[in-house]
């Protein structure tokens, strides 16, 4: 007898088969293949249709409540959807800091008005968000931030600077930490939302070694922010910030799984460059062994990630577990790209030709070096793991 979950799987498989465009079943090969949505989005063939189709069912955020644009799926149903998408090589319909970071924070701390205003727009890909956390003098010591928000009645006047603001030059809105009191370091921070087109907001991209500029310096000069856009109580923004950081680290840890890439570019690239031996195995035994070892670690991490997500949704996850997942996921992603470069040989170092897709392999490899820094440095994560999970004594 077919169970409800079996029926859901059959229905989901049929719907995906009929609605996922052929272009959205191809592996993600570069940044342009990732759909971010937003007011200024430039879509590749099939991207907008796929995003809209999934959003119509709430499946860009399948486990969010339906009243906020989600699918209202149970954890078991959300897992089935993920499995069926993987079975046909379907790309993630929408990548969004609104989904991975701001959304969970709003669901926990936002007012009903804030949820109804922002969450459906996030789910439909209408607004692209960026994160205003790090500052030139407040990186790892985030609570030392100095960007000020002066009380001006029904609004704040925000002045200051953020740095390493991912895609700030492409974002529509920002979720931002500001200082509303100097009486306490953590206790004087508030969490606010505002439009990046507000008067007084400007951005300046930072050129990276990869040749790309995904990060920006962001400047606020007397920016007017309505108090209605403050999430949670005044001076209680640190609570929101810590909760959101856990979800950011979960998102970064997902890179260890190669989420959203489709196929297996590592193995495909190695075979294309090195070829197979007479037994149908990768011809380079040393590289073959390294890839096999990596695959075992990645599969173990995948299993651990599923368990962690289930525990997180059930409220049973250790508060410091996102740090552990972020650290291991970071190292796995770096190792994956090291192997991609090793498999590609000298050709993988090519930087600009059309045949190399604009040096996609080399640029992606260089980009992974930032994984050890963003979302909290690896050193910080190891310190948290030692203190809060292993309960080792302090220095």
Protein backbone atom coordinates (compact mmCIF):
# COMPACT_ATOMS: atom_id res chain seq x y z
CA UNK A 1 0.00 0.00 0.00
CA UNK A 2 1.34 3.44 -0.95
CA UNK A 3 1.93 5.73 2.03
CA UNK A 4 1.29 9.47 2.01
CA UNK A 5 5.04 10.05 1.70
CA UNK A 6 5.24 7.61 -1.22
CA UNK A 7 2.42 9.49 -2.93
CA UNK A 8 4.16 12.80 -2.26
CA UNK A 9 7.34 11.41 -3.83
CA UNK A 10 5.48 10.20 -6.92
CA UNK A 11 3.66 13.51 -7.33
CA UNK A 12 6.86 15.50 -6.77
CA UNK A 13 8.79 13.41 -9.30
CA UNK A 14 6.08 13.94 -11.90
CA UNK A 15 5.88 17.68 -11.26
CA UNK A 16 9.66 18.19 -11.40
CA UNK A 17 9.91 16.20 -14.60
CA UNK A 18 7.28 18.39 -16.21
CA UNK A 19 8.44 21.75 -14.89
CA UNK A 20 12.24 21.79 -14.55
CA UNK A 21 13.66 23.32 -17.77
CA UNK A 22 16.43 21.35 -19.53
CA UNK A 23 18.89 24.22 -18.93
CA UNK A 24 18.30 23.88 -15.19
CA UNK A 25 19.41 20.24 -15.26
CA UNK A 26 22.95 21.13 -16.26
CA UNK A 27 25.82 21.35 -13.74
CA UNK A 28 26.60 24.81 -12.36
CA UNK A 29 29.90 25.77 -13.94
CA UNK A 30 30.31 29.41 -12.95
CA UNK A 31 28.81 32.24 -10.92
CA UNK A 32 26.51 33.26 -13.78
CA UNK A 33 24.71 29.91 -13.48
CA UNK A 34 23.60 30.73 -9.92
CA UNK A 35 20.18 32.40 -9.64
CA UNK A 36 20.12 35.16 -7.00
CA UNK A 37 16.94 37.00 -8.00
CA UNK A 38 16.46 40.63 -7.02
CA UNK A 39 15.29 43.82 -8.68
CA UNK A 40 18.28 44.01 -11.02
CA UNK A 41 18.68 40.31 -11.78
CA UNK A 42 19.92 39.26 -15.21
CA UNK A 43 18.65 35.73 -15.83
CA UNK A 44 20.21 32.98 -17.91
CA UNK A 45 17.89 30.84 -20.09
CA UNK A 46 15.52 28.84 -17.94
CA UNK A 47 16.48 30.50 -14.63
CA UNK A 48 13.50 32.80 -14.22
CA UNK A 49 11.02 30.14 -15.33
CA UNK A 50 12.48 27.61 -12.89
CA UNK A 51 12.56 30.06 -9.99
CA UNK A 52 8.99 31.20 -10.61
CA UNK A 53 7.70 27.64 -10.98
CA UNK A 54 9.28 26.54 -7.72
CA UNK A 55 8.20 29.72 -5.92
CA UNK A 56 4.59 29.13 -7.02
CA UNK A 57 4.63 25.96 -4.90
CA UNK A 58 6.66 27.52 -2.08
CA UNK A 59 9.52 25.19 -2.92
CA UNK A 60 12.25 27.82 -2.98
CA UNK A 61 11.78 27.63 0.82
CA UNK A 62 9.96 24.31 1.17
CA UNK A 63 9.97 24.16 4.98
CA UNK A 64 8.80 27.74 5.60
CA UNK A 65 5.14 28.25 6.58
CA UNK A 66 2.81 28.78 3.62
CA UNK A 67 1.62 32.18 4.89
CA UNK A 68 5.17 33.51 4.38
CA UNK A 69 5.65 32.11 0.87
CA UNK A 70 6.94 28.69 1.88
CA UNK A 71 5.84 25.20 0.99
CA UNK A 72 4.81 24.17 4.48
CA UNK A 73 6.50 20.79 3.97
CA UNK A 74 7.38 18.48 6.82
CA UNK A 75 11.06 17.61 7.30
CA UNK A 76 10.44 14.22 5.64
CA UNK A 77 8.73 15.85 2.65
CA UNK A 78 11.48 18.46 2.30
CA UNK A 79 14.03 15.65 2.23
CA UNK A 80 12.06 13.84 -0.49
CA UNK A 81 11.96 17.03 -2.57
CA UNK A 82 15.72 17.40 -2.21
CA UNK A 83 16.28 13.79 -3.23
CA UNK A 84 14.02 14.02 -6.27
CA UNK A 85 15.69 17.24 -7.42
CA UNK A 86 19.08 15.54 -7.10
CA UNK A 87 17.81 12.55 -9.08
CA UNK A 88 17.23 14.72 -12.18
CA UNK A 89 20.23 17.00 -11.56
CA UNK A 90 17.99 20.01 -10.92
CA UNK A 91 19.74 23.20 -9.91
CA UNK A 92 18.83 25.15 -6.81
CA UNK A 93 16.09 27.50 -8.11
CA UNK A 94 17.17 30.41 -5.91
CA UNK A 95 20.31 31.18 -3.90
CA UNK A 96 19.70 33.93 -1.39
CA UNK A 97 21.11 35.37 1.82
CA UNK A 98 17.47 36.15 2.50
CA UNK A 99 16.74 32.41 2.51
CA UNK A 100 19.86 31.12 4.24
CA UNK A 101 20.40 33.86 6.82
CA UNK A 102 17.80 36.60 7.21
CA UNK A 103 14.74 34.39 6.77
CA UNK A 104 15.38 32.13 9.78
CA UNK A 105 16.15 35.20 11.92
CA UNK A 106 12.90 36.90 10.90
CA UNK A 107 10.93 33.73 11.56
CA UNK A 108 12.30 33.70 15.11
CA UNK A 109 12.57 37.39 16.01
CA UNK A 110 10.52 39.38 13.48
CA UNK A 111 7.12 40.91 14.07
CA UNK A 112 4.19 39.53 12.12
CA UNK A 113 4.22 42.66 9.96
CA UNK A 114 7.92 42.20 9.19
CA UNK A 115 7.42 38.54 8.30
CA UNK A 116 4.51 39.25 5.97
CA UNK A 117 6.36 42.16 4.37
CA UNK A 118 9.74 40.54 3.73
CA UNK A 119 9.50 36.75 3.71
CA UNK A 120 7.20 36.28 0.68
CA UNK A 121 9.41 38.63 -1.37
CA UNK A 122 12.44 36.57 -0.37
CA UNK A 123 10.68 33.33 -1.32
CA UNK A 124 9.74 34.73 -4.75
CA UNK A 125 13.23 36.05 -5.43
CA UNK A 126 12.01 39.64 -5.69
CA UNK A 127 14.53 41.15 -3.26
CA UNK A 128 18.24 40.34 -3.00
CA UNK A 129 19.80 40.89 0.43
CA UNK A 130 23.31 41.54 1.71
CA UNK A 131 24.75 41.38 5.22
CA UNK A 132 26.18 44.40 7.06
CA UNK A 133 28.27 42.84 9.83
CA UNK A 134 32.07 43.17 9.55
CA UNK A 135 33.78 46.54 9.83
CA UNK A 136 37.38 47.65 9.21
CA UNK A 137 38.07 47.52 12.96
CA UNK A 138 35.54 44.84 13.88
CA UNK A 139 36.13 41.59 12.03
CA UNK A 140 36.59 38.64 14.36
CA UNK A 141 35.61 40.95 17.24
CA UNK A 142 32.24 41.67 15.67
CA UNK A 143 30.78 43.03 18.92
CA UNK A 144 33.29 45.88 18.68
CA UNK A 145 31.42 47.41 15.73
CA UNK A 146 31.17 51.19 15.61
CA UNK A 147 28.55 51.97 12.94
CA UNK A 148 26.16 54.23 14.84
CA UNK A 149 22.39 54.62 14.77
CA UNK A 150 21.30 57.87 16.39
CA UNK A 151 17.76 58.02 17.76
CA UNK A 152 15.77 60.57 15.76
CA UNK A 153 12.25 59.91 16.97
CA UNK A 154 10.50 57.44 14.67
CA UNK A 155 13.73 56.64 12.82
CA UNK A 156 17.48 56.25 13.23
CA UNK A 157 20.27 58.16 11.50
CA UNK A 158 22.94 55.62 10.56
CA UNK A 159 26.60 56.55 9.98
CA UNK A 160 29.59 54.29 9.53
CA UNK A 161 31.24 51.71 7.31
CA UNK A 162 31.02 47.98 6.68
CA UNK A 163 33.53 45.84 4.80
CA UNK A 164 33.55 42.45 3.06
CA UNK A 165 29.86 43.01 2.33
CA UNK A 166 29.15 40.19 -0.13
CA UNK A 167 27.42 41.44 -3.30
CA UNK A 168 26.49 44.77 -1.71
CA UNK A 169 26.72 46.42 -5.13
CA UNK A 170 24.06 44.02 -6.46
CA UNK A 171 21.80 43.83 -3.39
CA UNK A 172 18.45 45.56 -2.98
CA UNK A 173 18.26 45.57 0.84
CA UNK A 174 20.70 45.03 3.71
CA UNK A 175 20.33 43.48 7.17
CA UNK A 176 22.73 45.43 9.33
CA UNK A 177 24.16 45.60 12.84
CA UNK A 178 24.39 49.10 14.26
CA UNK A 179 25.35 50.58 17.62
CA UNK A 180 22.45 52.20 19.46
CA UNK A 181 24.19 52.41 22.84
CA UNK A 182 27.74 52.64 24.16
CA UNK A 183 26.81 51.44 27.64
CA UNK A 184 27.55 47.80 26.78
CA UNK A 185 29.55 46.15 24.02
CA UNK A 186 27.16 43.34 23.06
CA UNK A 187 24.23 45.01 24.80
CA UNK A 188 24.37 48.17 22.70
CA UNK A 189 23.79 46.63 19.28
CA UNK A 190 20.57 46.69 17.25
CA UNK A 191 19.59 44.77 14.10
CA UNK A 192 18.01 46.87 11.33
CA UNK A 193 16.84 46.44 7.74
CA UNK A 194 16.95 49.07 5.00
CA UNK A 195 16.89 49.63 1.27
CA UNK A 196 20.30 49.93 -0.43
CA UNK A 197 18.84 52.72 -2.57
CA UNK A 198 18.32 54.84 0.54
CA UNK A 199 19.97 58.26 0.35
CA UNK A 200 23.47 58.11 1.87
CA UNK A 201 24.28 54.46 1.03
CA UNK A 202 27.21 53.79 -1.28
CA UNK A 203 29.34 50.76 -2.14
CA UNK A 204 32.81 50.13 -3.56
CA UNK A 205 33.77 46.64 -4.83
CA UNK A 206 37.01 45.05 -3.57
CA UNK A 207 39.07 43.31 -6.27
CA UNK A 208 40.19 39.84 -5.14
CA UNK A 209 43.09 37.65 -6.22
CA UNK A 210 40.59 35.56 -8.21
CA UNK A 211 39.93 38.56 -10.44
CA UNK A 212 36.37 38.90 -9.15
CA UNK A 213 34.86 41.46 -6.79
CA UNK A 214 32.11 39.72 -4.82
CA UNK A 215 32.95 41.72 -1.68
CA UNK A 216 32.44 45.43 -1.15
CA UNK A 217 33.13 48.29 1.18
CA UNK A 218 29.78 49.81 2.17
CA UNK A 219 29.38 53.37 3.46
CA UNK A 220 26.50 54.97 5.38
CA UNK A 221 26.27 58.77 5.49
CA UNK A 222 23.26 60.00 7.49
CA UNK A 223 21.05 57.15 6.28
CA UNK A 224 17.47 57.40 7.54
CA UNK A 225 16.15 54.03 8.79
CA UNK A 226 12.58 53.75 10.17
CA UNK A 227 12.40 52.16 13.62
CA UNK A 228 9.72 49.86 12.21
CA UNK A 229 12.63 48.19 10.37
CA UNK A 230 14.37 47.20 13.60
CA UNK A 231 14.19 43.46 14.27
CA UNK A 232 13.77 42.53 17.95
CA UNK A 233 14.22 45.03 20.77
CA UNK A 234 16.61 47.99 20.72
CA UNK A 235 20.06 47.00 22.01
CA UNK A 236 19.11 43.30 21.68
CA UNK A 237 20.45 42.90 18.16
CA UNK A 238 23.31 40.71 19.36
CA UNK A 239 20.78 37.95 20.05
CA UNK A 240 19.62 38.12 16.44
CA UNK A 241 23.20 38.35 15.17
CA UNK A 242 24.31 35.19 16.98
CA UNK A 243 21.28 33.25 15.77
CA UNK A 244 21.85 34.39 12.20
CA UNK A 245 25.57 33.54 12.36
CA UNK A 246 24.65 29.96 13.13
CA UNK A 247 22.63 29.79 9.91
CA UNK A 248 25.40 31.54 7.95
CA UNK A 249 27.87 28.92 9.15
CA UNK A 250 25.42 26.20 8.20
CA UNK A 251 25.21 27.75 4.71
CA UNK A 252 29.00 27.92 4.35
CA UNK A 253 29.36 24.35 5.60
CA UNK A 254 27.12 23.32 2.71
CA UNK A 255 29.97 24.11 0.32
CA UNK A 256 31.66 21.00 1.68
CA UNK A 257 28.85 19.04 0.00
CA UNK A 258 29.25 20.85 -3.31
CA UNK A 259 25.60 21.89 -3.03
CA UNK A 260 23.90 23.05 -6.18
CA UNK A 261 26.68 22.07 -8.56
CA UNK A 262 24.93 19.12 -10.24
CA UNK A 263 26.93 16.14 -11.54
CA UNK A 264 30.42 15.54 -10.22
CA UNK A 265 32.80 18.06 -11.86
CA UNK A 266 35.75 16.65 -9.89
CA UNK A 267 35.48 13.14 -11.33
CA UNK A 268 34.28 14.32 -14.75
CA UNK A 269 37.22 16.72 -15.04
CA UNK A 270 39.75 14.12 -13.93
CA UNK A 271 38.50 11.60 -16.50
CA UNK A 272 38.49 14.21 -19.26
CA UNK A 273 42.09 15.21 -18.54
CA UNK A 274 43.72 11.95 -17.44
CA UNK A 275 41.54 9.26 -18.97
CA UNK A 276 40.77 5.72 -17.85
CA UNK A 277 42.99 2.66 -17.64
CA UNK A 278 42.17 -0.74 -19.15
CA UNK A 279 40.04 -1.58 -16.11
CA UNK A 280 37.89 1.53 -16.51
CA UNK A 281 39.48 3.30 -13.53
CA UNK A 282 41.08 6.75 -13.44
CA UNK A 283 44.50 6.26 -14.98
CA UNK A 284 46.46 8.10 -12.27
CA UNK A 285 46.48 5.80 -9.19
CA UNK A 286 47.67 8.48 -6.77
CA UNK A 287 44.96 10.93 -7.79
CA UNK A 288 42.43 8.11 -7.85
CA UNK A 289 43.25 7.28 -4.23
CA UNK A 290 43.08 10.96 -3.19
CA UNK A 291 39.66 11.38 -4.83
CA UNK A 292 38.40 8.18 -3.21
CA UNK A 293 39.57 9.38 0.21
CA UNK A 294 37.90 12.72 -0.36
CA UNK A 295 34.68 11.02 -1.47
CA UNK A 296 34.54 9.01 1.76
CA UNK A 297 34.99 12.16 3.85
CA UNK A 298 32.39 14.05 1.80
CA UNK A 299 29.83 11.26 2.17
CA UNK A 300 30.41 11.10 5.92
CA UNK A 301 30.01 14.87 6.12
CA UNK A 302 26.80 14.65 4.07
CA UNK A 303 25.34 12.14 6.53
CA UNK A 304 26.41 14.31 9.47
CA UNK A 305 24.87 17.36 7.80
CA UNK A 306 21.50 15.65 7.42
CA UNK A 307 21.56 14.68 11.07
CA UNK A 308 22.58 18.20 12.10
CA UNK A 309 19.78 19.83 10.08
CA UNK A 310 17.21 17.43 11.56
CA UNK A 311 18.48 18.19 15.08
CA UNK A 312 18.54 21.93 14.37
CA UNK A 313 14.92 21.95 13.19
CA UNK A 314 13.91 19.89 16.21
CA UNK A 315 15.73 22.29 18.56
CA UNK A 316 18.15 19.59 19.75
CA UNK A 317 21.37 20.75 18.05
CA UNK A 318 24.32 21.83 20.19
CA UNK A 319 24.59 25.65 20.00
CA UNK A 320 28.22 25.38 18.86
CA UNK A 321 27.61 22.70 16.26
CA UNK A 322 27.36 25.20 13.36
CA UNK A 323 31.00 26.12 14.10
CA UNK A 324 32.03 22.49 13.73
CA UNK A 325 30.06 22.08 10.50
CA UNK A 326 31.41 25.34 9.11
CA UNK A 327 35.03 24.37 9.80
CA UNK A 328 34.79 20.88 8.30
CA UNK A 329 32.72 22.08 5.33
CA UNK A 330 35.29 24.79 4.64
CA UNK A 331 38.17 22.33 4.65
CA UNK A 332 36.30 19.90 2.40
CA UNK A 333 35.48 22.61 -0.12
CA UNK A 334 39.10 23.72 -0.23
CA UNK A 335 40.23 20.11 -0.67
CA UNK A 336 37.71 19.55 -3.48
CA UNK A 337 39.07 22.47 -5.45
CA UNK A 338 42.67 21.44 -4.79
CA UNK A 339 41.82 18.09 -6.37
CA UNK A 340 40.08 19.78 -9.30
CA UNK A 341 43.28 21.74 -9.94
CA UNK A 342 45.44 18.63 -9.56
CA UNK A 343 43.26 16.73 -12.00
CA UNK A 344 43.33 19.58 -14.50
CA UNK A 345 47.10 19.90 -14.52
CA UNK A 346 48.63 22.97 -16.12
CA UNK A 347 45.50 23.52 -18.21
CA UNK A 348 43.54 24.27 -15.04
CA UNK A 349 45.79 27.28 -14.40
CA UNK A 350 44.70 28.93 -17.65
CA UNK A 351 43.10 32.27 -16.80
CA UNK A 352 41.20 33.89 -19.64
CA UNK A 353 40.54 31.67 -22.66
CA UNK A 354 37.04 30.76 -23.82
CA UNK A 355 37.95 27.08 -23.57
CA UNK A 356 38.63 27.44 -19.85
CA UNK A 357 35.36 29.34 -19.31
CA UNK A 358 37.33 32.41 -18.32
CA UNK A 359 39.63 30.48 -15.98
CA UNK A 360 36.66 29.19 -13.96
CA UNK A 361 38.61 26.40 -12.24
CA UNK A 362 41.50 28.59 -11.15
CA UNK A 363 39.26 31.44 -10.03
CA UNK A 364 37.00 29.08 -8.05
CA UNK A 365 40.07 27.51 -6.42
CA UNK A 366 41.41 30.90 -5.36
CA UNK A 367 37.97 31.89 -4.07
CA UNK A 368 37.93 28.97 -1.63
CA UNK A 369 40.78 30.57 0.33
CA UNK A 370 38.23 33.06 1.67
CA UNK A 371 36.12 30.22 3.10
CA UNK A 372 38.52 30.09 6.05
CA UNK A 373 37.73 33.73 6.85
CA UNK A 374 34.08 34.47 6.02
CA UNK A 375 31.43 33.65 8.57
CA UNK A 376 34.07 33.60 11.31
CA UNK A 377 37.69 32.54 10.76
CA UNK A 378 38.70 28.90 11.07
CA UNK A 379 40.79 29.84 14.10
CA UNK A 380 37.73 31.31 15.80
CA UNK A 381 35.67 28.20 14.95
CA UNK A 382 38.34 25.88 16.36
CA UNK A 383 38.40 27.93 19.56
CA UNK A 384 34.62 27.61 19.89
CA UNK A 385 34.79 23.86 19.24
CA UNK A 386 37.54 23.42 21.84
CA UNK A 387 35.73 25.43 24.49
CA UNK A 388 32.06 24.58 23.98
CA UNK A 389 32.03 21.09 22.43
CA UNK A 390 35.25 19.45 23.70
CA UNK A 391 35.12 21.48 26.93
CA UNK A 392 38.88 21.90 26.98
CA UNK A 393 40.37 24.26 29.58
CA UNK A 394 41.24 27.79 28.49
CA UNK A 395 44.79 28.99 28.04
